[in-house]
Amino acid sequence: MARTNPFEFLQEVRTEVSKVTWPTRRETIITTIMVVIMSILASLFFLAADYVMGTAVSFILGLGA
């Protein structure tokens, strides 16, 4: 692979960055809210799954009596 000098590299980087479509403020806020909601739902799911499995193991081993 041919090596480029730093000046050419920076020009190529600027060209590529200009092609990027940056999200709007509204899109960023909506995406952040969706991530928070999905994180809460995932944590509630794993909390419930842990409780059910813990109860099942305690019952099977006779520790629940």
N, C-alpha and C. Protein backbone atom coordinates (compact mmCIF):
# COMPACT_ATOMS: atom_id res chain seq x y z
N MET A 1 0.84 -1.17 0.00
CA MET A 1 0.00 0.00 0.00
C MET A 1 0.89 1.24 0.00
N ALA A 2 0.59 2.15 -0.88
CA ALA A 2 1.41 3.35 -1.01
C ALA A 2 1.18 4.28 0.19
N ARG A 3 2.26 4.86 0.66
CA ARG A 3 2.15 5.78 1.79
C ARG A 3 1.88 7.18 1.27
N THR A 4 1.01 7.89 1.97
CA THR A 4 0.72 9.27 1.60
C THR A 4 1.30 10.18 2.65
N ASN A 5 1.58 11.39 2.23
CA ASN A 5 2.12 12.32 3.22
C ASN A 5 0.98 12.85 4.09
N PRO A 6 1.27 13.39 5.25
CA PRO A 6 0.23 13.83 6.18
C PRO A 6 -0.73 14.86 5.58
N PHE A 7 -0.25 15.74 4.72
CA PHE A 7 -1.11 16.76 4.12
C PHE A 7 -2.18 16.11 3.24
N GLU A 8 -1.77 15.14 2.42
CA GLU A 8 -2.73 14.42 1.57
C GLU A 8 -3.72 13.65 2.41
N PHE A 9 -3.22 13.04 3.47
CA PHE A 9 -4.10 12.28 4.37
C PHE A 9 -5.17 13.18 4.95
N LEU A 10 -4.79 14.35 5.44
CA LEU A 10 -5.76 15.28 6.03
C LEU A 10 -6.77 15.76 4.99
N GLN A 11 -6.33 15.96 3.76
CA GLN A 11 -7.27 16.35 2.70
C GLN A 11 -8.29 15.24 2.45
N GLU A 12 -7.83 14.00 2.44
CA GLU A 12 -8.73 12.87 2.24
C GLU A 12 -9.71 12.72 3.40
N VAL A 13 -9.23 12.96 4.60
CA VAL A 13 -10.10 12.88 5.78
C VAL A 13 -11.18 13.95 5.69
N ARG A 14 -10.80 15.17 5.35
CA ARG A 14 -11.78 16.26 5.22
C ARG A 14 -12.82 15.93 4.16
N THR A 15 -12.39 15.33 3.05
CA THR A 15 -13.31 14.96 1.99
C THR A 15 -14.30 13.91 2.49
N GLU A 16 -13.81 12.91 3.20
CA GLU A 16 -14.69 11.86 3.71
C GLU A 16 -15.65 12.40 4.78
N VAL A 17 -15.17 13.27 5.66
CA VAL A 17 -16.02 13.82 6.70
C VAL A 17 -17.13 14.68 6.10
N SER A 18 -16.84 15.34 5.00
CA SER A 18 -17.87 16.16 4.35
C SER A 18 -19.00 15.32 3.77
N LYS A 19 -18.75 14.03 3.53
CA LYS A 19 -19.77 13.12 3.01
C LYS A 19 -20.71 12.60 4.10
N VAL A 20 -20.33 12.74 5.35
CA VAL A 20 -21.11 12.21 6.46
C VAL A 20 -22.39 13.03 6.64
N THR A 21 -23.49 12.33 6.84
CA THR A 21 -24.75 13.03 7.15
C THR A 21 -24.93 12.96 8.66
N TRP A 22 -24.77 14.08 9.32
CA TRP A 22 -24.86 14.14 10.77
C TRP A 22 -26.31 14.19 11.20
N PRO A 23 -26.66 13.52 12.30
CA PRO A 23 -28.05 13.54 12.76
C PRO A 23 -28.44 14.92 13.29
N THR A 24 -29.72 15.21 13.17
CA THR A 24 -30.21 16.47 13.71
C THR A 24 -30.34 16.35 15.22
N ARG A 25 -30.55 17.48 15.87
CA ARG A 25 -30.72 17.47 17.32
C ARG A 25 -31.92 16.62 17.71
N ARG A 26 -33.01 16.73 16.95
CA ARG A 26 -34.23 15.97 17.23
C ARG A 26 -33.97 14.46 17.11
N GLU A 27 -33.27 14.05 16.06
CA GLU A 27 -32.95 12.63 15.87
C GLU A 27 -32.08 12.11 17.01
N THR A 28 -31.14 12.92 17.46
CA THR A 28 -30.26 12.51 18.55
C THR A 28 -31.06 12.34 19.85
N ILE A 29 -31.97 13.26 20.13
CA ILE A 29 -32.77 13.18 21.35
C ILE A 29 -33.68 11.96 21.30
N ILE A 30 -34.34 11.73 20.16
CA ILE A 30 -35.24 10.57 20.04
C ILE A 30 -34.47 9.27 20.19
N THR A 31 -33.31 9.17 19.57
CA THR A 31 -32.50 7.96 19.66
C THR A 31 -32.03 7.73 21.09
N THR A 32 -31.64 8.80 21.78
CA THR A 32 -31.21 8.67 23.17
C THR A 32 -32.34 8.17 24.05
N ILE A 33 -33.53 8.72 23.86
CA ILE A 33 -34.70 8.29 24.64
C ILE A 33 -35.00 6.81 24.37
N MET A 34 -34.91 6.40 23.10
CA MET A 34 -35.16 5.00 22.76
C MET A 34 -34.14 4.08 23.43
N VAL A 35 -32.89 4.49 23.47
CA VAL A 35 -31.85 3.67 24.12
C VAL A 35 -32.13 3.55 25.61
N VAL A 36 -32.52 4.65 26.26
CA VAL A 36 -32.82 4.61 27.70
C VAL A 36 -34.00 3.68 27.96
N ILE A 37 -35.06 3.80 27.15
CA ILE A 37 -36.24 2.95 27.33
C ILE A 37 -35.88 1.47 27.13
N MET A 38 -35.12 1.15 26.09
CA MET A 38 -34.73 -0.24 25.85
C MET A 38 -33.83 -0.77 26.97
N SER A 39 -32.98 0.08 27.53
CA SER A 39 -32.13 -0.34 28.65
C SER A 39 -32.97 -0.67 29.88
N ILE A 40 -33.97 0.16 30.14
CA ILE A 40 -34.86 -0.09 31.28
C ILE A 40 -35.63 -1.38 31.07
N LEU A 41 -36.17 -1.58 29.86
CA LEU A 41 -36.91 -2.81 29.58
C LEU A 41 -36.02 -4.05 29.70
N ALA A 42 -34.80 -3.96 29.21
CA ALA A 42 -33.88 -5.11 29.30
C ALA A 42 -33.55 -5.39 30.76
N SER A 43 -33.33 -4.34 31.56
CA SER A 43 -33.00 -4.57 32.97
C SER A 43 -34.18 -5.19 33.71
N LEU A 44 -35.41 -4.75 33.39
CA LEU A 44 -36.59 -5.36 34.03
C LEU A 44 -36.75 -6.82 33.62
N PHE A 45 -36.48 -7.12 32.35
CA PHE A 45 -36.56 -8.50 31.90
C PHE A 45 -35.56 -9.38 32.65
N PHE A 46 -34.31 -8.92 32.75
CA PHE A 46 -33.30 -9.73 33.43
C PHE A 46 -33.56 -9.82 34.93
N LEU A 47 -34.14 -8.78 35.52
CA LEU A 47 -34.52 -8.84 36.92
C LEU A 47 -35.57 -9.92 37.14
N ALA A 48 -36.59 -9.95 36.27
CA ALA A 48 -37.64 -10.96 36.38
C ALA A 48 -37.09 -12.36 36.11
N ALA A 49 -36.24 -12.49 35.08
CA ALA A 49 -35.67 -13.81 34.77
C ALA A 49 -34.81 -14.32 35.92
N ASP A 50 -34.04 -13.43 36.53
CA ASP A 50 -33.21 -13.82 37.67
C ASP A 50 -34.06 -14.26 38.85
N TYR A 51 -35.15 -13.54 39.09
CA TYR A 51 -36.05 -13.90 40.19
C TYR A 51 -36.68 -15.27 39.95
N VAL A 52 -37.17 -15.50 38.73
CA VAL A 52 -37.82 -16.78 38.41
C VAL A 52 -36.82 -17.92 38.51
N MET A 53 -35.64 -17.75 37.95
CA MET A 53 -34.65 -18.83 38.01
C MET A 53 -34.17 -19.07 39.43
N GLY A 54 -33.99 -18.01 40.20
CA GLY A 54 -33.59 -18.18 41.60
C GLY A 54 -34.63 -18.91 42.41
N THR A 55 -35.90 -18.56 42.19
CA THR A 55 -36.99 -19.25 42.88
C THR A 55 -37.06 -20.72 42.47
N ALA A 56 -36.89 -20.98 41.17
CA ALA A 56 -36.94 -22.37 40.68
C ALA A 56 -35.80 -23.19 41.27
N VAL A 57 -34.60 -22.65 41.30
CA VAL A 57 -33.47 -23.38 41.86
C VAL A 57 -33.66 -23.62 43.35
N SER A 58 -34.17 -22.62 44.05
CA SER A 58 -34.42 -22.80 45.50
C SER A 58 -35.46 -23.88 45.73
N PHE A 59 -36.49 -23.90 44.91
CA PHE A 59 -37.54 -24.91 45.06
C PHE A 59 -36.98 -26.30 44.75
N ILE A 60 -36.20 -26.41 43.69
CA ILE A 60 -35.65 -27.71 43.29
C ILE A 60 -34.69 -28.23 44.37
N LEU A 61 -33.88 -27.37 44.93
CA LEU A 61 -32.91 -27.82 45.94
C LEU A 61 -33.53 -27.93 47.32
N GLY A 62 -34.78 -27.58 47.46
CA GLY A 62 -35.45 -27.71 48.74
C GLY A 62 -35.13 -26.59 49.72
N LEU A 63 -34.58 -25.49 49.23
CA LEU A 63 -34.23 -24.39 50.10
C LEU A 63 -35.39 -23.43 50.29
N GLY A 64 -36.44 -23.61 49.50
CA GLY A 64 -37.57 -22.71 49.59
C GLY A 64 -38.55 -23.05 50.68
N ALA A 65 -38.35 -24.19 51.34
CA ALA A 65 -39.31 -24.63 52.38
C ALA A 65 -39.06 -24.00 53.70
